[in-house]
N, C-alpha and C. Protein backbone atom coordinates (compact mmCIF):
# COMPACT_ATOMS: atom_id res chain seq x y z
N MET A 1 -64.47 58.25 -64.10
CA MET A 1 -63.17 57.63 -64.00
C MET A 1 -62.50 57.78 -62.55
N ILE A 2 -61.55 56.52 -62.21
CA ILE A 2 -61.10 56.87 -61.12
C ILE A 2 -59.54 56.58 -61.14
N TYR A 3 -58.82 57.16 -60.54
CA TYR A 3 -57.34 56.76 -60.21
C TYR A 3 -57.33 55.85 -59.20
N ARG A 4 -56.13 54.98 -59.50
CA ARG A 4 -55.82 53.87 -58.33
C ARG A 4 -54.13 54.25 -58.20
N PHE A 5 -53.97 54.93 -56.99
CA PHE A 5 -52.64 55.49 -56.69
C PHE A 5 -52.20 54.67 -55.53
N ARG A 6 -50.70 54.07 -55.47
CA ARG A 6 -50.05 53.70 -54.65
C ARG A 6 -49.27 54.51 -54.02
N ILE A 7 -49.27 54.61 -52.79
CA ILE A 7 -48.56 55.77 -52.04
C ILE A 7 -47.60 55.11 -51.31
N ILE A 8 -46.22 55.19 -51.38
CA ILE A 8 -45.11 54.53 -50.53
C ILE A 8 -44.41 55.63 -49.58
N LEU A 9 -44.46 55.39 -48.28
CA LEU A 9 -44.00 55.99 -47.22
C LEU A 9 -42.22 56.01 -47.59
N ASP A 10 -41.68 56.71 -47.52
CA ASP A 10 -40.01 56.83 -47.38
C ASP A 10 -39.54 56.44 -46.18
N VAL A 11 -39.50 55.24 -45.92
CA VAL A 11 -38.81 54.54 -44.52
C VAL A 11 -38.44 53.18 -44.90
N LYS A 12 -37.60 52.74 -44.05
CA LYS A 12 -36.74 51.29 -44.63
C LYS A 12 -37.63 49.96 -44.77
N GLU A 13 -38.64 49.98 -43.78
CA GLU A 13 -39.68 49.26 -43.80
C GLU A 13 -40.83 49.38 -45.09
N ASP A 14 -41.45 48.30 -45.61
CA ASP A 14 -42.67 48.85 -46.68
C ASP A 14 -43.56 49.31 -45.79
N VAL A 15 -44.10 50.32 -46.11
CA VAL A 15 -45.16 50.99 -45.62
C VAL A 15 -46.03 51.69 -46.78
N LEU A 16 -47.17 51.31 -47.50
CA LEU A 16 -47.68 51.67 -48.16
C LEU A 16 -49.30 51.69 -48.41
N ARG A 17 -49.93 52.43 -49.08
CA ARG A 17 -51.54 52.38 -49.09
C ARG A 17 -51.87 52.51 -50.60
N ASP A 18 -52.79 52.00 -50.93
CA ASP A 18 -53.49 52.10 -52.26
C ASP A 18 -54.57 52.49 -52.06
N ILE A 19 -54.76 53.57 -52.89
CA ILE A 19 -56.17 54.76 -52.55
C ILE A 19 -56.78 54.83 -54.13
N GLU A 20 -58.18 54.57 -54.12
CA GLU A 20 -58.83 55.04 -55.09
C GLU A 20 -59.51 56.42 -54.91
N ILE A 21 -59.30 57.33 -56.44
CA ILE A 21 -60.05 58.79 -55.84
C ILE A 21 -60.33 59.16 -57.28
N GLU A 22 -61.55 59.71 -57.51
CA GLU A 22 -61.88 60.15 -58.59
C GLU A 22 -60.85 61.27 -59.48
N GLU A 23 -60.65 61.14 -61.04
CA GLU A 23 -59.72 61.73 -61.28
C GLU A 23 -60.08 63.40 -61.34
N THR A 24 -61.26 63.63 -61.01
CA THR A 24 -61.59 65.33 -61.35
C THR A 24 -61.71 65.80 -59.59
N ALA A 25 -61.05 64.83 -58.49
CA ALA A 25 -60.95 65.34 -57.21
C ALA A 25 -59.84 66.28 -57.49
N THR A 26 -59.48 67.00 -56.38
CA THR A 26 -58.54 68.05 -56.38
C THR A 26 -57.11 67.57 -55.51
N PHE A 27 -56.36 68.17 -55.48
CA PHE A 27 -54.84 67.88 -54.84
C PHE A 27 -55.32 67.97 -53.67
N GLU A 28 -56.06 68.87 -53.08
CA GLU A 28 -56.25 69.07 -51.54
C GLU A 28 -57.07 67.89 -51.07
N ASP A 29 -57.79 67.18 -52.04
CA ASP A 29 -58.69 65.85 -52.00
C ASP A 29 -57.68 65.03 -51.52
N LEU A 30 -56.57 64.64 -52.39
CA LEU A 30 -55.65 63.65 -52.53
C LEU A 30 -54.91 64.06 -51.07
N HIS A 31 -54.38 65.03 -50.79
CA HIS A 31 -53.78 65.37 -49.41
C HIS A 31 -54.42 64.92 -48.13
N HIS A 32 -55.68 65.13 -48.24
CA HIS A 32 -56.41 64.43 -46.90
C HIS A 32 -56.73 63.04 -47.09
N ALA A 33 -56.89 62.58 -48.27
CA ALA A 33 -56.69 61.08 -48.24
C ALA A 33 -55.64 60.63 -48.02
N ILE A 34 -53.94 60.92 -48.61
CA ILE A 34 -53.02 60.30 -47.85
C ILE A 34 -52.98 60.39 -46.33
N THR A 35 -53.05 61.68 -45.77
CA THR A 35 -52.81 62.03 -44.36
C THR A 35 -53.96 60.82 -43.79
N GLN A 36 -55.07 60.73 -43.94
CA GLN A 36 -55.96 59.86 -43.31
C GLN A 36 -55.62 58.65 -43.54
N ALA A 37 -55.30 58.06 -44.23
CA ALA A 37 -54.82 56.74 -44.57
C ALA A 37 -53.41 56.51 -43.98
N PHE A 38 -52.85 57.33 -43.73
CA PHE A 38 -51.11 57.04 -42.61
C PHE A 38 -51.53 57.44 -41.64
N GLY A 39 -52.70 57.79 -40.84
CA GLY A 39 -53.09 58.38 -39.68
C GLY A 39 -52.39 59.43 -39.28
N PHE A 40 -52.07 60.49 -40.18
CA PHE A 40 -51.77 62.00 -39.56
C PHE A 40 -52.90 62.81 -39.52
N LEU A 41 -53.05 63.88 -38.91
CA LEU A 41 -53.97 64.98 -38.81
C LEU A 41 -54.35 65.74 -39.83
N GLY A 42 -53.34 66.07 -40.65
CA GLY A 42 -53.62 66.55 -41.87
C GLY A 42 -53.58 68.25 -41.70
N ASN A 43 -53.14 68.50 -40.67
CA ASN A 43 -52.89 69.77 -40.35
C ASN A 43 -51.78 70.86 -40.51
N GLU A 44 -50.61 69.93 -41.33
CA GLU A 44 -49.19 70.59 -41.44
C GLU A 44 -49.23 71.15 -42.72
N MET A 45 -48.41 71.76 -43.12
CA MET A 45 -47.75 72.32 -44.44
C MET A 45 -47.74 70.89 -45.46
N ALA A 46 -47.99 71.08 -46.54
CA ALA A 46 -47.31 69.88 -47.71
C ALA A 46 -47.41 70.44 -48.79
N SER A 47 -46.47 69.87 -49.69
CA SER A 47 -46.57 70.20 -51.17
C SER A 47 -46.32 68.74 -51.94
N PHE A 48 -46.93 68.98 -53.17
CA PHE A 48 -46.72 67.78 -54.12
C PHE A 48 -45.58 67.94 -54.99
N TYR A 49 -44.63 67.26 -55.71
CA TYR A 49 -43.94 67.87 -56.43
C TYR A 49 -43.92 66.82 -57.73
N ARG A 50 -43.62 67.46 -58.95
CA ARG A 50 -43.58 66.57 -60.14
C ARG A 50 -42.44 65.71 -59.89
N SER A 51 -42.54 64.33 -60.67
CA SER A 51 -41.64 63.43 -60.34
C SER A 51 -41.60 62.79 -61.82
N ASP A 52 -40.31 62.29 -62.20
CA ASP A 52 -40.06 61.42 -63.14
C ASP A 52 -39.87 59.82 -62.75
N GLN A 53 -39.64 58.84 -63.72
CA GLN A 53 -39.82 57.37 -63.70
C GLN A 53 -38.70 57.10 -62.38
N GLU A 54 -37.69 57.94 -62.02
CA GLU A 54 -36.55 57.62 -61.44
C GLU A 54 -36.94 58.50 -59.97
N TRP A 55 -37.71 58.82 -59.97
CA TRP A 55 -38.22 59.64 -58.49
C TRP A 55 -37.32 60.80 -58.34
N ALA A 56 -37.01 61.75 -59.61
CA ALA A 56 -36.17 63.02 -59.09
C ALA A 56 -37.33 64.16 -58.80
N GLN A 57 -36.95 64.64 -58.00
CA GLN A 57 -37.82 65.60 -57.74
C GLN A 57 -38.00 67.24 -58.40
N GLY A 58 -39.18 67.22 -59.13
CA GLY A 58 -39.25 68.26 -60.11
C GLY A 58 -39.95 69.56 -59.42
N GLU A 59 -40.73 70.20 -60.29
CA GLU A 59 -41.58 71.16 -59.99
C GLU A 59 -42.45 71.14 -58.85
N GLU A 60 -42.40 72.30 -57.66
CA GLU A 60 -43.27 72.03 -56.68
C GLU A 60 -44.39 72.71 -57.04
N MET A 61 -45.57 71.92 -56.40
CA MET A 61 -46.93 72.31 -56.35
C MET A 61 -47.56 72.31 -55.12
N PRO A 62 -47.43 73.58 -54.22
CA PRO A 62 -47.68 73.79 -53.23
C PRO A 62 -49.13 73.53 -52.89
N LEU A 63 -50.02 73.25 -51.61
CA LEU A 63 -51.29 73.11 -51.16
C LEU A 63 -51.29 74.90 -50.80
N GLU A 64 -50.54 75.54 -50.35
CA GLU A 64 -50.65 76.86 -49.89
C GLU A 64 -49.28 77.60 -50.30
N ALA A 65 -49.78 77.96 -51.41
CA ALA A 65 -48.61 79.26 -52.05
C ALA A 65 -48.02 80.12 -51.15
N MET A 66 -46.71 80.32 -50.51
CA MET A 66 -46.50 81.13 -49.97
C MET A 66 -45.41 82.28 -50.67
N ASP A 67 -45.33 82.12 -51.74
CA ASP A 67 -44.55 82.98 -52.83
C ASP A 67 -45.77 83.37 -53.55
N PRO A 68 -45.95 84.81 -53.61
CA PRO A 68 -47.07 85.49 -54.75
C PRO A 68 -47.15 84.92 -56.20
N SER A 69 -46.07 84.60 -56.55
CA SER A 69 -45.52 84.13 -58.12
C SER A 69 -45.74 82.84 -58.05
N GLN A 70 -46.13 82.08 -56.90
CA GLN A 70 -46.32 80.72 -57.21
C GLN A 70 -47.72 80.33 -57.15
N GLU A 71 -48.44 79.27 -57.63
CA GLU A 71 -49.96 79.03 -57.25
C GLU A 71 -50.19 77.86 -56.72
N SER A 72 -50.91 78.06 -55.98
CA SER A 72 -51.48 76.84 -55.15
C SER A 72 -51.95 75.72 -56.21
N CYS A 73 -51.90 74.33 -55.72
CA CYS A 73 -52.57 73.41 -56.34
C CYS A 73 -53.58 72.87 -55.78
N LYS A 74 -54.18 73.34 -54.47
CA LYS A 74 -55.26 72.86 -53.63
C LYS A 74 -56.41 72.75 -54.34
N ASP A 75 -57.16 73.55 -55.14
CA ASP A 75 -58.10 73.40 -55.90
C ASP A 75 -58.12 72.88 -57.37
N GLN A 76 -56.74 72.53 -57.75
CA GLN A 76 -56.61 72.03 -59.22
C GLN A 76 -57.02 70.45 -59.11
N ALA A 77 -57.62 70.02 -60.35
CA ALA A 77 -58.26 68.86 -60.36
C ALA A 77 -56.93 67.82 -60.75
N LEU A 78 -57.05 66.60 -60.18
CA LEU A 78 -56.04 65.61 -60.69
C LEU A 78 -55.81 65.49 -61.93
N ASN A 79 -56.84 65.50 -62.84
CA ASN A 79 -56.59 65.30 -64.58
C ASN A 79 -56.21 66.40 -65.14
N SER A 80 -56.03 67.48 -64.24
CA SER A 80 -54.96 68.48 -64.91
C SER A 80 -53.90 68.34 -64.86
N VAL A 81 -53.19 67.45 -63.92
CA VAL A 81 -51.73 67.20 -64.08
C VAL A 81 -51.44 65.68 -64.27
N ILE A 82 -52.28 64.58 -64.08
CA ILE A 82 -51.94 63.39 -63.93
C ILE A 82 -52.15 63.14 -65.44
N SER A 83 -51.22 62.49 -66.21
CA SER A 83 -51.32 61.84 -67.53
C SER A 83 -50.32 60.88 -67.68
N ALA A 84 -50.49 59.84 -69.04
CA ALA A 84 -49.57 58.90 -69.01
C ALA A 84 -48.25 59.24 -69.23
N ASP A 85 -47.84 60.80 -69.31
CA ASP A 85 -46.25 61.26 -69.23
C ASP A 85 -46.20 61.54 -68.06
N GLN A 86 -47.14 61.93 -67.18
CA GLN A 86 -47.19 62.40 -65.68
C GLN A 86 -47.65 61.73 -64.80
N HIS A 87 -47.18 60.77 -64.31
CA HIS A 87 -47.65 59.67 -63.50
C HIS A 87 -47.13 59.34 -62.16
N HIS A 88 -46.30 60.09 -61.74
CA HIS A 88 -45.46 60.08 -60.66
C HIS A 88 -45.43 61.33 -60.08
N LEU A 89 -45.68 61.38 -58.54
CA LEU A 89 -45.53 62.54 -57.72
C LEU A 89 -44.76 62.47 -56.27
N ILE A 90 -44.58 63.21 -55.86
CA ILE A 90 -43.46 63.01 -54.73
C ILE A 90 -44.23 64.21 -53.70
N TYR A 91 -45.04 63.47 -52.53
CA TYR A 91 -45.64 64.29 -51.45
C TYR A 91 -45.10 64.45 -50.34
N VAL A 92 -44.89 65.50 -49.87
CA VAL A 92 -43.91 66.13 -48.55
C VAL A 92 -44.96 66.59 -47.71
N TYR A 93 -45.19 65.68 -46.52
CA TYR A 93 -46.01 66.56 -45.36
C TYR A 93 -45.15 67.02 -44.11
N ASP A 94 -45.70 67.94 -43.83
CA ASP A 94 -45.09 68.36 -42.44
C ASP A 94 -43.34 68.71 -42.67
N PHE A 95 -43.26 69.94 -43.11
CA PHE A 95 -41.87 70.34 -43.44
C PHE A 95 -41.03 70.58 -42.17
N LEU A 96 -41.34 70.18 -41.19
CA LEU A 96 -40.54 70.08 -40.03
C LEU A 96 -39.71 68.62 -39.94
N ASN A 97 -40.48 67.88 -40.37
CA ASN A 97 -40.29 66.56 -39.95
C ASN A 97 -40.08 65.79 -41.26
N LEU A 98 -40.45 66.19 -42.45
CA LEU A 98 -40.12 65.82 -43.95
C LEU A 98 -40.71 64.53 -44.19
N TRP A 99 -42.05 64.10 -43.75
CA TRP A 99 -42.46 63.19 -44.25
C TRP A 99 -42.76 63.06 -45.53
N THR A 100 -41.99 62.05 -46.31
CA THR A 100 -42.04 62.08 -47.76
C THR A 100 -42.49 60.86 -48.22
N PHE A 101 -43.32 60.74 -49.23
CA PHE A 101 -44.13 59.88 -49.81
C PHE A 101 -44.13 59.49 -51.17
N PHE A 102 -44.01 58.63 -51.94
CA PHE A 102 -43.86 58.17 -53.56
C PHE A 102 -45.17 58.02 -53.91
N VAL A 103 -45.68 58.77 -55.04
CA VAL A 103 -47.12 58.67 -55.25
C VAL A 103 -47.05 58.32 -56.91
N GLU A 104 -47.78 57.05 -57.29
CA GLU A 104 -47.51 56.70 -58.79
C GLU A 104 -48.99 55.97 -58.88
N LEU A 105 -49.72 56.61 -59.99
CA LEU A 105 -50.65 56.19 -60.69
C LEU A 105 -50.68 54.54 -61.49
N MET A 106 -51.08 53.83 -60.42
CA MET A 106 -50.94 52.34 -60.94
C MET A 106 -52.35 52.04 -62.00
N GLU A 107 -53.44 52.62 -61.88
CA GLU A 107 -54.39 52.07 -62.91
C GLU A 107 -55.55 53.03 -62.97
N VAL A 108 -56.03 53.11 -63.98
CA VAL A 108 -57.20 54.18 -64.36
C VAL A 108 -58.36 53.15 -64.29
N GLY A 109 -59.58 53.33 -63.80
CA GLY A 109 -60.56 52.48 -63.98
C GLY A 109 -61.68 53.31 -63.99
N GLU A 110 -63.14 52.36 -63.86
CA GLU A 110 -64.60 52.89 -64.11
C GLU A 110 -64.70 52.90 -62.50
N THR A 111 -65.60 54.22 -62.29
CA THR A 111 -66.13 54.28 -60.92
C THR A 111 -67.29 53.17 -60.50
N ILE A 112 -67.21 52.42 -59.46
CA ILE A 112 -68.26 51.45 -58.99
C ILE A 112 -69.26 52.15 -58.23
N THR A 113 -70.60 51.91 -58.81
CA THR A 113 -71.57 52.66 -57.98
C THR A 113 -71.79 51.94 -56.22
N GLY A 114 -72.20 52.82 -55.68
CA GLY A 114 -72.34 52.68 -54.27
C GLY A 114 -70.91 52.91 -53.51
N THR A 115 -69.51 53.00 -54.41
CA THR A 115 -68.53 53.18 -53.63
C THR A 115 -68.41 54.57 -53.42
N THR A 116 -67.97 54.83 -52.08
CA THR A 116 -67.55 56.34 -51.56
C THR A 116 -66.00 56.72 -52.01
N TYR A 117 -65.62 57.73 -52.55
CA TYR A 117 -64.28 58.07 -52.89
C TYR A 117 -63.85 59.42 -51.97
N PRO A 118 -62.54 59.25 -51.84
CA PRO A 118 -61.56 58.47 -51.87
C PRO A 118 -61.75 57.40 -51.38
N ASN A 119 -60.99 56.14 -51.40
CA ASN A 119 -61.66 54.68 -51.15
C ASN A 119 -60.04 53.84 -50.83
N LEU A 120 -59.48 53.85 -49.51
CA LEU A 120 -58.57 53.01 -49.26
C LEU A 120 -58.83 51.69 -49.60
N ILE A 121 -58.22 50.67 -50.61
CA ILE A 121 -58.36 49.58 -50.71
C ILE A 121 -57.16 48.42 -50.68
N HIS A 122 -56.05 49.11 -49.75
CA HIS A 122 -55.13 48.19 -49.38
C HIS A 122 -54.21 49.24 -48.33
N ALA A 123 -53.57 48.42 -47.53
CA ALA A 123 -53.07 49.16 -46.63
C ALA A 123 -51.60 47.98 -46.17
N GLN A 124 -50.59 48.59 -46.10
CA GLN A 124 -49.43 47.31 -45.61
C GLN A 124 -48.72 48.34 -44.83
N GLY A 125 -48.08 47.71 -43.58
CA GLY A 125 -46.95 48.25 -42.83
C GLY A 125 -47.63 49.36 -41.98
N GLU A 126 -47.06 49.51 -40.73
CA GLU A 126 -47.16 50.59 -39.89
C GLU A 126 -46.01 51.72 -39.96
N VAL A 127 -46.66 52.83 -39.89
CA VAL A 127 -46.18 54.14 -39.85
C VAL A 127 -45.41 54.21 -38.53
N PRO A 128 -44.01 54.51 -38.78
CA PRO A 128 -43.11 54.81 -37.50
C PRO A 128 -43.52 56.18 -36.91
N GLU A 129 -43.34 55.91 -35.62
CA GLU A 129 -43.35 57.10 -34.52
C GLU A 129 -43.10 58.57 -34.88
N GLU A 130 -41.91 58.32 -35.17
CA GLU A 130 -41.15 59.60 -36.02
C GLU A 130 -40.78 59.34 -37.24
N ALA A 131 -40.62 60.62 -38.34
CA ALA A 131 -40.10 60.56 -39.37
C ALA A 131 -38.74 60.00 -39.50
N PRO A 132 -38.24 59.28 -40.52
CA PRO A 132 -36.88 59.13 -40.74
C PRO A 132 -36.01 60.36 -40.96
N GLU A 133 -34.76 60.18 -40.35
CA GLU A 133 -33.81 61.34 -40.66
C GLU A 133 -33.73 61.45 -42.11
N LYS A 134 -33.82 62.67 -42.88
CA LYS A 134 -33.29 62.89 -44.02
C LYS A 134 -31.70 63.04 -44.52
N LEU A 135 -31.05 62.35 -45.17
CA LEU A 135 -29.56 62.52 -45.66
C LEU A 135 -29.59 63.60 -46.64
N PHE A 136 -28.83 64.69 -46.85
CA PHE A 136 -29.10 65.60 -47.93
C PHE A 136 -27.77 65.36 -49.24
N GLU A 137 -27.77 65.75 -50.03
CA GLU A 137 -26.97 65.10 -51.15
C GLU A 137 -25.29 65.24 -50.54
N SER A 138 -24.98 66.47 -49.84
CA SER A 138 -23.69 66.28 -49.41
C SER A 138 -23.54 65.40 -48.20
N GLU A 139 -24.20 65.03 -47.78
CA GLU A 139 -24.22 64.22 -46.79
C GLU A 139 -23.88 62.67 -47.34
N LEU A 140 -24.82 62.26 -48.42
CA LEU A 140 -24.65 61.25 -49.09
C LEU A 140 -23.12 60.99 -49.49
N SER A 141 -22.74 61.77 -50.36
CA SER A 141 -21.53 61.95 -50.98
C SER A 141 -20.21 61.78 -50.30
N GLY A 142 -20.49 62.23 -49.06
CA GLY A 142 -19.51 62.36 -48.05
C GLY A 142 -18.24 63.15 -48.28
N GLU A 143 -18.25 63.97 -49.15
CA GLU A 143 -17.22 64.55 -49.91
C GLU A 143 -16.89 65.77 -48.79
N ASN A 144 -15.50 65.68 -48.73
CA ASN A 144 -14.70 66.81 -47.68
C ASN A 144 -15.69 66.77 -46.09
N ALA A 145 -16.07 65.21 -45.64
CA ALA A 145 -16.78 65.22 -44.33
C ALA A 145 -15.64 65.48 -43.32
N GLU A 146 -14.30 65.14 -43.57
CA GLU A 146 -13.14 65.27 -42.89
C GLU A 146 -12.90 66.69 -42.70
N GLU A 147 -12.89 67.52 -43.75
CA GLU A 147 -12.70 68.88 -43.87
C GLU A 147 -13.41 69.58 -42.83
N ALA A 148 -14.70 69.21 -42.82
CA ALA A 148 -15.95 70.08 -42.06
C ALA A 148 -15.55 70.08 -40.73
N ASP A 149 -14.81 68.87 -40.03
CA ASP A 149 -14.55 68.82 -38.89
C ASP A 149 -13.24 69.01 -38.44
N PHE A 150 -12.76 70.35 -39.02
CA PHE A 150 -11.13 70.65 -38.64
C PHE A 150 -11.07 71.20 -37.61
N ASP A 151 -9.84 71.39 -36.68
CA ASP A 151 -9.47 72.13 -35.69
C ASP A 151 -8.94 73.35 -36.14
N ASP A 152 -9.58 74.50 -35.54
CA ASP A 152 -9.28 76.02 -35.90
C ASP A 152 -7.87 76.05 -35.75
N GLU A 153 -7.06 75.42 -34.92
CA GLU A 153 -5.69 75.62 -34.35
C GLU A 153 -4.99 75.26 -35.60
N ASP A 154 -5.26 74.32 -36.06
CA ASP A 154 -4.29 73.46 -37.60
C ASP A 154 -4.62 74.50 -38.82
N SER A 155 -5.39 75.14 -38.57
CA SER A 155 -5.73 76.28 -39.92
C SER A 155 -5.03 77.46 -40.02
N GLU A 156 -3.84 77.11 -41.11
CA GLU A 156 -2.92 78.61 -41.37
C GLU A 156 -3.66 79.90 -41.76
N ASP A 157 -4.69 79.53 -42.12
CA ASP A 157 -5.85 80.70 -42.76
C ASP A 157 -6.44 81.17 -41.47
N TYR A 158 -6.75 80.66 -40.60
CA TYR A 158 -7.51 81.26 -39.51
C TYR A 158 -6.99 82.43 -38.57
N ASP A 159 -7.64 83.42 -38.40
CA ASP A 159 -7.07 84.44 -37.67
C ASP A 159 -7.90 84.63 -36.71
N ASP A 160 -7.40 84.50 -35.59
CA ASP A 160 -8.56 84.27 -33.96
C ASP A 160 -8.15 85.79 -33.53
N SER A 161 -7.36 86.47 -34.03
CA SER A 161 -7.05 87.84 -33.17
C SER A 161 -8.52 88.82 -33.08
N ALA A 162 -9.11 88.44 -33.89
CA ALA A 162 -10.54 89.53 -34.37
C ALA A 162 -11.27 89.10 -33.00
N PHE A 163 -11.39 87.85 -32.33
CA PHE A 163 -12.12 87.42 -31.71
C PHE A 163 -11.57 88.02 -29.89
N TYR A 164 -10.32 88.57 -29.91
CA TYR A 164 -9.82 88.52 -28.62
C TYR A 164 -9.87 90.35 -28.34
């Protein structure tokens, strides 16, 4: 069996790739397929995250585990995680630039004799030169944004005598 994934780059313009990959392929194989399909070298750190239908980021599945208590997913077969209940993933490539992708299982099909997998079956849009800037929850809500830019002299609780 093969999985047909749609991988969408998290940018304003539509940039996506559809990839076929064997269900027994590893997460490292999927990582290489994604980086090649989007034109990356594939030499940066990356992780997959479980996700739900609303794309809420769940449990991290790192390709290289830095924490001894965490297990790497690079040798784990896709069909050990992907199921009818778990068919959304978030993939983050290059932790300095945070290229973020939404990975969704679109279809399960039969392998086609003579086809080499992974197989890029559709490409749409151009990858931008730089990763888009990410806004974090506190930046999105804008709460206390004015307070964060206060003038020290206006603060009654601020004691600058310790610095002189």
